[in-house]
Amino acid sequence: MMHSKVRAAARLIIFLLITGGLLPFYLVSYPLGREARRAMSWPFYRSCIALTGLSLHVSGTQAGPGTFFVANHISYLDIPVLAVLVDGLFVAKTEVQGWPLFGFLARIARTVFVSRNMTKIAKERLTIANSLADGESVILFPEGSSSDGSKLLPFRPGLLSAAKAAPDLSVRVQPVTITYGPADEAGNTLSQEDRDRYAWYGDMELASHLWGVFGLKDGIIVSVHFHESRASHEFKDARALAIWAEQTVSEGMRRKLDPPMGVEENSPIPIYEAVALKTSAP
């Protein structure tokens, strides 16, 4: 993939101008409610996708408001990709608050920040549960960290337990699979080296990675698949819920990155019932 410093600088300037131009309108709309905030934030997220050269492909049927969306995590680019599609609150680690510019944007977007500290997880879980009970959709990355986009990290059940925080609380839980690649409409395979230009994980530096993304000449396809949703009360506990969601997303990644012959992307994944009946490990 060709990289241009001139292109990177131009896109960075455009990004800052769009951010600065839309921010006052967003702040004014903030006290006016969710719909007004959505109207002001959507153009920003859509601009982020355009400036990073991503072509968005969506499949599956998205559940309605008040859904607990659980997705795999590959990059900071997952945020604008999902934010364009879903009107909901993101759950992010507390470190994000300290990121230059992005931390500020996350705070004003009403992101739920969590430390994943065992002493605080009960309070954090309750915050998420209250948002769901109030009809807000919540977007969680249960891996707890981002991956290289070729494999899935284990889903942690801790914050997923927010869906079962109270006996009378039952919410729709919808697994979401995000994949970067193929490289073009013809379905040509994306190498891991090229995927790493978009995937952000490990000890990669945010600023240099974003600079690299802004400077790329050719973009790639990012696919988002909304799997079948299920009610949280169908699962015995958070562990069973995490197992089902993890295997659903993992199978979605496998089908997209290495699709078997004769299998349609939207065909049912025959693991739901077996996984949902599993209980907690000792």
C-alpha atoms as a PDB file:
ATOM      1  CA  MET A   1       0.000   0.000   0.000  1.00  0.00           C
ATOM      2  CA  MET A   2       1.378   3.383  -1.049  1.00  0.00           C
ATOM      3  CA  HIS A   3       1.798   6.059   1.626  1.00  0.00           C
ATOM      4  CA  SER A   4       2.024   9.790   1.039  1.00  0.00           C
ATOM      5  CA  LYS A   5       3.058  12.350   3.646  1.00  0.00           C
ATOM      6  CA  VAL A   6       1.242  15.060   1.687  1.00  0.00           C
ATOM      7  CA  ARG A   7      -1.966  13.032   1.716  1.00  0.00           C
ATOM      8  CA  ALA A   8      -1.556  12.301   5.428  1.00  0.00           C
ATOM      9  CA  ALA A   9      -1.053  15.978   6.255  1.00  0.00           C
ATOM     10  CA  ALA A  10      -4.023  17.040   4.128  1.00  0.00           C
ATOM     11  CA  ARG A  11      -6.346  14.485   5.728  1.00  0.00           C
ATOM     12  CA  LEU A  12      -5.141  15.366   9.218  1.00  0.00           C
ATOM     13  CA  ILE A  13      -5.908  19.047   8.584  1.00  0.00           C
ATOM     14  CA  ILE A  14      -9.352  18.158   7.231  1.00  0.00           C
ATOM     15  CA  PHE A  15      -9.987  15.935  10.262  1.00  0.00           C
ATOM     16  CA  LEU A  16      -9.105  18.752  12.673  1.00  0.00           C
ATOM     17  CA  LEU A  17     -11.230  21.256  10.748  1.00  0.00           C
ATOM     18  CA  ILE A  18     -14.250  18.903  10.754  1.00  0.00           C
ATOM     19  CA  THR A  19     -13.782  18.148  14.450  1.00  0.00           C
ATOM     20  CA  GLY A  20     -13.467  21.826  15.343  1.00  0.00           C
ATOM     21  CA  GLY A  21     -16.380  22.790  13.097  1.00  0.00           C
ATOM     22  CA  LEU A  22     -18.827  20.201  14.404  1.00  0.00           C
ATOM     23  CA  LEU A  23     -17.835  20.344  18.068  1.00  0.00           C
ATOM     24  CA  PRO A  24     -19.705  23.573  18.947  1.00  0.00           C
ATOM     25  CA  PHE A  25     -22.898  22.232  17.370  1.00  0.00           C
ATOM     26  CA  TYR A  26     -22.540  18.960  19.264  1.00  0.00           C
ATOM     27  CA  LEU A  27     -22.044  20.751  22.575  1.00  0.00           C
ATOM     28  CA  VAL A  28     -25.143  22.888  21.927  1.00  0.00           C
ATOM     29  CA  SER A  29     -27.169  19.769  21.064  1.00  0.00           C
ATOM     30  CA  TYR A  30     -25.926  17.826  24.089  1.00  0.00           C
ATOM     31  CA  PRO A  31     -28.687  18.904  26.535  1.00  0.00           C
ATOM     32  CA  LEU A  32     -31.369  18.477  23.853  1.00  0.00           C
ATOM     33  CA  GLY A  33     -31.427  14.697  24.084  1.00  0.00           C
ATOM     34  CA  ARG A  34     -30.190  11.595  22.321  1.00  0.00           C
ATOM     35  CA  GLU A  35     -31.671  12.299  18.886  1.00  0.00           C
ATOM     36  CA  ALA A  36     -30.125  15.766  18.704  1.00  0.00           C
ATOM     37  CA  ARG A  37     -26.731  14.454  19.809  1.00  0.00           C
ATOM     38  CA  ARG A  38     -26.966  11.680  17.233  1.00  0.00           C
ATOM     39  CA  ALA A  39     -27.713  14.168  14.469  1.00  0.00           C
ATOM     40  CA  MET A  40     -24.556  16.119  15.292  1.00  0.00           C
ATOM     41  CA  SER A  41     -22.212  13.199  15.945  1.00  0.00           C
ATOM     42  CA  TRP A  42     -23.089  11.057  12.908  1.00  0.00           C
ATOM     43  CA  PRO A  43     -21.392  13.396  10.346  1.00  0.00           C
ATOM     44  CA  PHE A  44     -18.216  13.325  12.431  1.00  0.00           C
ATOM     45  CA  TYR A  45     -18.036   9.537  12.522  1.00  0.00           C
ATOM     46  CA  ARG A  46     -18.901   9.284   8.836  1.00  0.00           C
ATOM     47  CA  SER A  47     -16.103  11.740   8.030  1.00  0.00           C
ATOM     48  CA  CYS A  48     -13.637   9.628  10.026  1.00  0.00           C
ATOM     49  CA  ILE A  49     -14.483   6.615   7.870  1.00  0.00           C
ATOM     50  CA  ALA A  50     -14.087   8.590   4.650  1.00  0.00           C
ATOM     51  CA  LEU A  51     -10.748  10.117   5.693  1.00  0.00           C
ATOM     52  CA  THR A  52      -9.276   6.725   6.605  1.00  0.00           C
ATOM     53  CA  GLY A  53     -10.220   5.196   3.257  1.00  0.00           C
ATOM     54  CA  LEU A  54     -12.519   2.521   4.622  1.00  0.00           C
ATOM     55  CA  SER A  55     -15.335   1.057   2.552  1.00  0.00           C
ATOM     56  CA  LEU A  56     -18.092  -0.066   4.917  1.00  0.00           C
ATOM     57  CA  HIS A  57     -20.004  -3.285   4.191  1.00  0.00           C
ATOM     58  CA  VAL A  58     -22.857  -4.227   6.541  1.00  0.00           C
ATOM     59  CA  SER A  59     -24.800  -7.494   6.771  1.00  0.00           C
ATOM     60  CA  GLY A  60     -27.285  -9.041   9.158  1.00  0.00           C
ATOM     61  CA  THR A  61     -30.177  -7.355  10.959  1.00  0.00           C
ATOM     62  CA  GLN A  62     -29.435  -4.905  13.756  1.00  0.00           C
ATOM     63  CA  ALA A  63     -31.531  -5.225  16.899  1.00  0.00           C
ATOM     64  CA  GLY A  64     -33.437  -2.208  18.193  1.00  0.00           C
ATOM     65  CA  PRO A  65     -32.757   0.314  20.987  1.00  0.00           C
ATOM     66  CA  GLY A  66     -31.711  -1.024  24.368  1.00  0.00           C
ATOM     67  CA  THR A  67     -29.516  -3.750  22.871  1.00  0.00           C
ATOM     68  CA  PHE A  68     -26.233  -4.908  24.396  1.00  0.00           C
ATOM     69  CA  PHE A  69     -23.897  -5.129  21.391  1.00  0.00           C
ATOM     70  CA  VAL A  70     -20.747  -7.218  21.930  1.00  0.00           C
ATOM     71  CA  ALA A  71     -18.053  -7.009  19.258  1.00  0.00           C
ATOM     72  CA  ASN A  72     -14.499  -8.047  18.578  1.00  0.00           C
ATOM     73  CA  HIS A  73     -11.926  -5.259  18.793  1.00  0.00           C
ATOM     74  CA  ILE A  74      -9.212  -4.648  16.198  1.00  0.00           C
ATOM     75  CA  SER A  75      -8.557  -0.913  16.070  1.00  0.00           C
ATOM     76  CA  TYR A  76      -9.581   2.520  17.285  1.00  0.00           C
ATOM     77  CA  LEU A  77     -11.242   2.660  13.856  1.00  0.00           C
ATOM     78  CA  ASP A  78     -13.856   0.227  15.218  1.00  0.00           C
ATOM     79  CA  ILE A  79     -15.322   3.197  17.110  1.00  0.00           C
ATOM     80  CA  PRO A  80     -16.403   5.345  14.137  1.00  0.00           C
ATOM     81  CA  VAL A  81     -17.346   2.208  12.171  1.00  0.00           C
ATOM     82  CA  LEU A  82     -19.810   1.055  14.848  1.00  0.00           C
ATOM     83  CA  ALA A  83     -20.869   4.585  15.816  1.00  0.00           C
ATOM     84  CA  VAL A  84     -22.112   5.234  12.276  1.00  0.00           C
ATOM     85  CA  LEU A  85     -24.319   2.150  12.502  1.00  0.00           C
ATOM     86  CA  VAL A  86     -25.377   2.048  16.160  1.00  0.00           C
ATOM     87  CA  ASP A  87     -26.800   4.807  18.330  1.00  0.00           C
ATOM     88  CA  GLY A  88     -25.402   3.742  21.670  1.00  0.00           C
ATOM     89  CA  LEU A  89     -22.901   4.214  24.470  1.00  0.00           C
ATOM     90  CA  PHE A  90     -19.406   2.780  24.180  1.00  0.00           C
ATOM     91  CA  VAL A  91     -17.634   1.082  27.054  1.00  0.00           C
ATOM     92  CA  ALA A  92     -13.911   1.959  27.112  1.00  0.00           C
ATOM     93  CA  LYS A  93     -10.983   1.472  29.450  1.00  0.00           C
ATOM     94  CA  THR A  94     -10.136   4.418  31.697  1.00  0.00           C
ATOM     95  CA  GLU A  95      -6.828   5.026  29.878  1.00  0.00           C
ATOM     96  CA  VAL A  96      -8.770   6.398  26.912  1.00  0.00           C
ATOM     97  CA  GLN A  97      -9.671   9.475  28.973  1.00  0.00           C
ATOM     98  CA  GLY A  98      -6.030  10.563  28.828  1.00  0.00           C
ATOM     99  CA  TRP A  99      -5.606  10.297  25.066  1.00  0.00           C
ATOM    100  CA  PRO A 100      -5.009  13.657  23.337  1.00  0.00           C
ATOM    101  CA  LEU A 101      -8.192  14.873  21.611  1.00  0.00           C
ATOM    102  CA  PHE A 102      -9.738  11.378  21.454  1.00  0.00           C
ATOM    103  CA  GLY A 103     -10.072  11.264  25.235  1.00  0.00           C
ATOM    104  CA  PHE A 104     -11.984  14.532  25.203  1.00  0.00           C
ATOM    105  CA  LEU A 105     -14.219  13.358  22.362  1.00  0.00           C
ATOM    106  CA  ALA A 106     -14.908  10.114  24.238  1.00  0.00           C
ATOM    107  CA  ARG A 107     -15.892  11.988  27.396  1.00  0.00           C
ATOM    108  CA  ILE A 108     -18.366  14.319  25.702  1.00  0.00           C
ATOM    109  CA  ALA A 109     -19.822  11.332  23.827  1.00  0.00           C
ATOM    110  CA  ARG A 110     -20.919   9.904  27.217  1.00  0.00           C
ATOM    111  CA  THR A 111     -18.560   6.925  27.008  1.00  0.00           C
ATOM    112  CA  VAL A 112     -18.736   4.597  30.007  1.00  0.00           C
ATOM    113  CA  PHE A 113     -15.169   4.302  31.311  1.00  0.00           C
ATOM    114  CA  VAL A 114     -14.208   1.161  33.194  1.00  0.00           C
ATOM    115  CA  SER A 115     -11.056   0.121  35.027  1.00  0.00           C
ATOM    116  CA  ARG A 116     -11.778  -3.644  34.977  1.00  0.00           C
ATOM    117  CA  ASN A 117     -10.522  -3.629  38.561  1.00  0.00           C
ATOM    118  CA  MET A 118     -12.187  -6.403  40.551  1.00  0.00           C
ATOM    119  CA  THR A 119     -13.001  -3.993  43.377  1.00  0.00           C
ATOM    120  CA  LYS A 120     -14.854  -1.659  40.995  1.00  0.00           C
ATOM    121  CA  ILE A 121     -16.434  -4.091  38.565  1.00  0.00           C
ATOM    122  CA  ALA A 122     -19.709  -4.321  40.519  1.00  0.00           C
ATOM    123  CA  LYS A 123     -20.253  -0.560  40.259  1.00  0.00           C
ATOM    124  CA  GLU A 124     -19.221  -0.495  36.592  1.00  0.00           C
ATOM    125  CA  ARG A 125     -21.547  -3.376  35.824  1.00  0.00           C
ATOM    126  CA  LEU A 126     -24.421  -1.557  37.520  1.00  0.00           C
ATOM    127  CA  THR A 127     -23.762   1.581  35.445  1.00  0.00           C
ATOM    128  CA  ILE A 128     -24.030  -0.443  32.241  1.00  0.00           C
ATOM    129  CA  ALA A 129     -27.116  -2.303  33.494  1.00  0.00           C
ATOM    130  CA  ASN A 130     -28.871   0.971  34.355  1.00  0.00           C
ATOM    131  CA  SER A 131     -28.187   2.331  30.864  1.00  0.00           C
ATOM    132  CA  LEU A 132     -29.642  -0.803  29.287  1.00  0.00           C
ATOM    133  CA  ALA A 133     -32.665  -0.696  31.604  1.00  0.00           C
ATOM    134  CA  ASP A 134     -33.255   2.915  30.516  1.00  0.00           C
ATOM    135  CA  GLY A 135     -33.443   1.830  26.876  1.00  0.00           C
ATOM    136  CA  GLU A 136     -29.930   2.885  25.874  1.00  0.00           C
ATOM    137  CA  SER A 137     -27.935   0.600  23.602  1.00  0.00           C
ATOM    138  CA  VAL A 138     -24.454  -0.226  24.898  1.00  0.00           C
ATOM    139  CA  ILE A 139     -21.444  -1.332  22.830  1.00  0.00           C
ATOM    140  CA  LEU A 140     -18.859  -3.500  24.576  1.00  0.00           C
ATOM    141  CA  PHE A 141     -15.581  -5.047  23.420  1.00  0.00           C
ATOM    142  CA  PRO A 142     -15.410  -8.052  25.789  1.00  0.00           C
ATOM    143  CA  GLU A 143     -11.879  -9.062  24.757  1.00  0.00           C
ATOM    144  CA  GLY A 144     -10.583  -6.232  26.922  1.00  0.00           C
ATOM    145  CA  SER A 145      -7.932  -5.387  24.317  1.00  0.00           C
ATOM    146  CA  SER A 146      -7.530  -5.191  20.555  1.00  0.00           C
ATOM    147  CA  SER A 147      -6.162  -7.988  18.371  1.00  0.00           C
ATOM    148  CA  ASP A 148      -4.395  -8.184  15.003  1.00  0.00           C
ATOM    149  CA  GLY A 149      -7.687  -8.843  13.232  1.00  0.00           C
ATOM    150  CA  SER A 150      -6.902 -12.441  12.252  1.00  0.00           C
ATOM    151  CA  LYS A 151      -7.982 -14.081  15.498  1.00  0.00           C
ATOM    152  CA  LEU A 152     -10.202 -13.493  18.502  1.00  0.00           C
ATOM    153  CA  LEU A 153      -9.071 -13.015  22.092  1.00  0.00           C
ATOM    154  CA  PRO A 154     -11.136 -14.661  24.862  1.00  0.00           C
ATOM    155  CA  PHE A 155     -14.307 -12.813  25.849  1.00  0.00           C
ATOM    156  CA  ARG A 156     -14.290 -11.782  29.511  1.00  0.00           C
ATOM    157  CA  PRO A 157     -17.618 -12.364  31.259  1.00  0.00           C
ATOM    158  CA  GLY A 158     -17.160  -9.646  33.908  1.00  0.00           C
ATOM    159  CA  LEU A 159     -18.880  -6.686  32.231  1.00  0.00           C
ATOM    160  CA  LEU A 160     -21.099  -8.949  30.135  1.00  0.00           C
ATOM    161  CA  SER A 161     -22.740  -9.854  33.431  1.00  0.00           C
ATOM    162  CA  ALA A 162     -24.404  -6.418  33.289  1.00  0.00           C
ATOM    163  CA  ALA A 163     -26.996  -8.089  31.072  1.00  0.00           C
ATOM    164  CA  LYS A 164     -27.928 -10.290  34.042  1.00  0.00           C
ATOM    165  CA  ALA A 165     -27.396  -7.771  36.825  1.00  0.00           C
ATOM    166  CA  ALA A 166     -30.942  -8.119  38.147  1.00  0.00           C
ATOM    167  CA  PRO A 167     -33.432 -11.030  38.101  1.00  0.00           C
ATOM    168  CA  ASP A 168     -36.047  -8.906  36.328  1.00  0.00           C
ATOM    169  CA  LEU A 169     -33.601  -7.469  33.753  1.00  0.00           C
ATOM    170  CA  SER A 170     -33.596  -9.138  30.354  1.00  0.00           C
ATOM    171  CA  VAL A 171     -32.012  -7.381  27.406  1.00  0.00           C
ATOM    172  CA  ARG A 172     -31.250  -8.316  23.838  1.00  0.00           C
ATOM    173  CA  VAL A 173     -27.602  -9.287  23.398  1.00  0.00           C
ATOM    174  CA  GLN A 174     -26.271  -9.115  19.848  1.00  0.00           C
ATOM    175  CA  PRO A 175     -22.811 -10.353  18.818  1.00  0.00           C
ATOM    176  CA  VAL A 176     -21.137  -8.273  16.103  1.00  0.00           C
ATOM    177  CA  THR A 177     -18.228  -9.398  13.929  1.00  0.00           C
ATOM    178  CA  ILE A 178     -15.827  -6.799  12.505  1.00  0.00           C
ATOM    179  CA  THR A 179     -13.291  -7.789   9.850  1.00  0.00           C
ATOM    180  CA  TYR A 180     -10.791  -5.685   7.903  1.00  0.00           C
ATOM    181  CA  GLY A 181     -10.325  -7.015   4.383  1.00  0.00           C
ATOM    182  CA  PRO A 182     -10.532  -8.306   1.715  1.00  0.00           C
ATOM    183  CA  ALA A 183      -8.461  -5.724  -0.095  1.00  0.00           C
ATOM    184  CA  ASP A 184     -11.033  -4.973  -2.798  1.00  0.00           C
ATOM    185  CA  GLU A 185     -14.430  -5.825  -4.263  1.00  0.00           C
ATOM    186  CA  ALA A 186     -12.939  -8.823  -6.083  1.00  0.00           C
ATOM    187  CA  GLY A 187     -12.263 -10.475  -2.732  1.00  0.00           C
ATOM    188  CA  ASN A 188      -8.467 -10.533  -2.999  1.00  0.00           C
ATOM    189  CA  THR A 189      -6.881 -11.620   0.266  1.00  0.00           C
ATOM    190  CA  LEU A 190      -5.459  -8.955   2.542  1.00  0.00           C
ATOM    191  CA  SER A 191      -2.018  -9.768   3.921  1.00  0.00           C
ATOM    192  CA  GLN A 192      -1.374  -9.396   7.654  1.00  0.00           C
ATOM    193  CA  GLU A 193       1.168  -6.691   6.856  1.00  0.00           C
ATOM    194  CA  ASP A 194      -1.515  -4.655   5.116  1.00  0.00           C
ATOM    195  CA  ARG A 195      -4.084  -5.458   7.819  1.00  0.00           C
ATOM    196  CA  ASP A 196      -1.646  -4.098  10.407  1.00  0.00           C
ATOM    197  CA  ARG A 197      -1.889  -0.718   8.731  1.00  0.00           C
ATOM    198  CA  TYR A 198      -5.436  -0.591  10.151  1.00  0.00           C
ATOM    199  CA  ALA A 199      -5.293  -2.950  13.131  1.00  0.00           C
ATOM    200  CA  TRP A 200      -3.947  -1.249  16.245  1.00  0.00           C
ATOM    201  CA  TYR A 201      -2.779  -3.542  19.006  1.00  0.00           C
ATOM    202  CA  GLY A 202       0.127  -4.430  21.261  1.00  0.00           C
ATOM    203  CA  ASP A 203       2.607  -1.586  21.764  1.00  0.00           C
ATOM    204  CA  MET A 204       1.753   0.333  18.576  1.00  0.00           C
ATOM    205  CA  GLU A 205       1.818   4.118  19.021  1.00  0.00           C
ATOM    206  CA  LEU A 206      -1.500   5.827  18.310  1.00  0.00           C
ATOM    207  CA  ALA A 207      -0.166   9.004  16.659  1.00  0.00           C
ATOM    208  CA  SER A 208       2.202   7.277  14.239  1.00  0.00           C
ATOM    209  CA  HIS A 209      -0.387   4.630  13.386  1.00  0.00           C
ATOM    210  CA  LEU A 210      -3.051   7.242  12.631  1.00  0.00           C
ATOM    211  CA  TRP A 211      -0.553   9.183  10.521  1.00  0.00           C
ATOM    212  CA  GLY A 212       0.060   5.999   8.550  1.00  0.00           C
ATOM    213  CA  VAL A 213      -3.663   5.426   7.995  1.00  0.00           C
ATOM    214  CA  PHE A 214      -4.253   9.007   6.821  1.00  0.00           C
ATOM    215  CA  GLY A 215      -1.478   8.698   4.246  1.00  0.00           C
ATOM    216  CA  LEU A 216      -2.616   5.480   2.531  1.00  0.00           C
ATOM    217  CA  LYS A 217      -3.592   5.835  -1.113  1.00  0.00           C
ATOM    218  CA  ASP A 218      -5.822   2.774  -1.360  1.00  0.00           C
ATOM    219  CA  GLY A 219      -8.447   1.882   1.209  1.00  0.00           C
ATOM    220  CA  ILE A 220      -9.844  -1.495   2.192  1.00  0.00           C
ATOM    221  CA  ILE A 221     -13.205  -3.014   3.007  1.00  0.00           C
ATOM    222  CA  VAL A 222     -14.311  -3.200   6.636  1.00  0.00           C
ATOM    223  CA  SER A 223     -17.198  -5.610   7.135  1.00  0.00           C
ATOM    224  CA  VAL A 224     -19.664  -5.505  10.013  1.00  0.00           C
ATOM    225  CA  HIS A 225     -22.003  -8.443  10.512  1.00  0.00           C
ATOM    226  CA  PHE A 226     -24.851  -8.315  13.029  1.00  0.00           C
ATOM    227  CA  HIS A 227     -25.541 -11.862  14.203  1.00  0.00           C
ATOM    228  CA  GLU A 228     -28.827 -13.167  15.571  1.00  0.00           C
ATOM    229  CA  SER A 229     -29.595 -11.590  18.949  1.00  0.00           C
ATOM    230  CA  ARG A 230     -30.795 -13.439  22.027  1.00  0.00           C
ATOM    231  CA  ALA A 231     -32.365 -12.452  25.322  1.00  0.00           C
ATOM    232  CA  SER A 232     -30.023 -12.467  28.301  1.00  0.00           C
ATOM    233  CA  HIS A 233     -32.467 -14.514  30.405  1.00  0.00           C
ATOM    234  CA  GLU A 234     -31.908 -17.480  28.071  1.00  0.00           C
ATOM    235  CA  PHE A 235     -28.456 -17.994  29.572  1.00  0.00           C
ATOM    236  CA  LYS A 236     -27.769 -19.497  32.967  1.00  0.00           C
ATOM    237  CA  ASP A 237     -25.019 -17.006  33.789  1.00  0.00           C
ATOM    238  CA  ALA A 238     -22.572 -14.500  32.325  1.00  0.00           C
ATOM    239  CA  ARG A 239     -20.066 -17.249  31.585  1.00  0.00           C
ATOM    240  CA  ALA A 240     -22.514 -19.054  29.307  1.00  0.00           C
ATOM    241  CA  LEU A 241     -23.367 -15.743  27.651  1.00  0.00           C
ATOM    242  CA  ALA A 242     -19.673 -14.978  27.044  1.00  0.00           C
ATOM    243  CA  ILE A 243     -19.051 -18.429  25.544  1.00  0.00           C
ATOM    244  CA  TRP A 244     -21.972 -18.061  23.136  1.00  0.00           C
ATOM    245  CA  ALA A 245     -20.981 -14.540  22.071  1.00  0.00           C
ATOM    246  CA  GLU A 246     -17.305 -15.458  21.655  1.00  0.00           C
ATOM    247  CA  GLN A 247     -17.983 -18.516  19.520  1.00  0.00           C
ATOM    248  CA  THR A 248     -20.518 -16.645  17.408  1.00  0.00           C
ATOM    249  CA  VAL A 249     -18.111 -13.790  16.661  1.00  0.00           C
ATOM    250  CA  SER A 250     -15.194 -16.199  16.140  1.00  0.00           C
ATOM    251  CA  GLU A 251     -17.170 -18.219  13.608  1.00  0.00           C
ATOM    252  CA  GLY A 252     -18.178 -14.977  11.899  1.00  0.00           C
ATOM    253  CA  MET A 253     -14.514 -13.991  11.554  1.00  0.00           C
ATOM    254  CA  ARG A 254     -13.578 -17.412  10.198  1.00  0.00           C
ATOM    255  CA  ARG A 255     -16.297 -17.324   7.583  1.00  0.00           C
ATOM    256  CA  LYS A 256     -15.335 -13.839   6.446  1.00  0.00           C
ATOM    257  CA  LEU A 257     -11.555 -14.300   6.392  1.00  0.00           C
ATOM    258  CA  ASP A 258     -11.610 -17.895   5.105  1.00  0.00           C
ATOM    259  CA  PRO A 259     -15.100 -18.585   3.720  1.00  0.00           C
ATOM    260  CA  PRO A 260     -15.839 -22.258   2.938  1.00  0.00           C
ATOM    261  CA  MET A 261     -17.242 -23.051  -0.499  1.00  0.00           C
ATOM    262  CA  GLY A 262     -21.027 -22.964  -0.731  1.00  0.00           C
ATOM    263  CA  VAL A 263     -21.626 -21.155   2.581  1.00  0.00           C
ATOM    264  CA  GLU A 264     -23.481 -17.866   2.503  1.00  0.00           C
ATOM    265  CA  GLU A 265     -22.396 -15.097   4.892  1.00  0.00           C
ATOM    266  CA  ASN A 266     -25.904 -14.703   6.297  1.00  0.00           C
ATOM    267  CA  SER A 267     -26.592 -18.427   6.733  1.00  0.00           C
ATOM    268  CA  PRO A 268     -27.270 -19.563  10.316  1.00  0.00           C
ATOM    269  CA  ILE A 269     -24.311 -20.477  12.482  1.00  0.00           C
ATOM    270  CA  PRO A 270     -25.274 -23.802  14.119  1.00  0.00           C
ATOM    271  CA  ILE A 271     -23.737 -23.248  17.547  1.00  0.00           C
ATOM    272  CA  TYR A 272     -26.340 -21.203  19.420  1.00  0.00           C
ATOM    273  CA  GLU A 273     -28.239 -23.861  21.328  1.00  0.00           C
ATOM    274  CA  ALA A 274     -25.246 -25.973  22.292  1.00  0.00           C
ATOM    275  CA  VAL A 275     -23.279 -23.011  23.597  1.00  0.00           C
ATOM    276  CA  ALA A 276     -26.187 -21.375  25.389  1.00  0.00           C
ATOM    277  CA  LEU A 277     -26.674 -24.466  27.544  1.00  0.00           C
ATOM    278  CA  LYS A 278     -23.104 -24.487  28.843  1.00  0.00           C
ATOM    279  CA  THR A 279     -22.612 -23.563  32.468  1.00  0.00           C
ATOM    280  CA  SER A 280     -19.797 -21.868  34.306  1.00  0.00           C
ATOM    281  CA  ALA A 281     -16.449 -23.561  34.496  1.00  0.00           C
ATOM    282  CA  PRO A 282     -15.344 -24.501  38.002  1.00  0.00           C
END
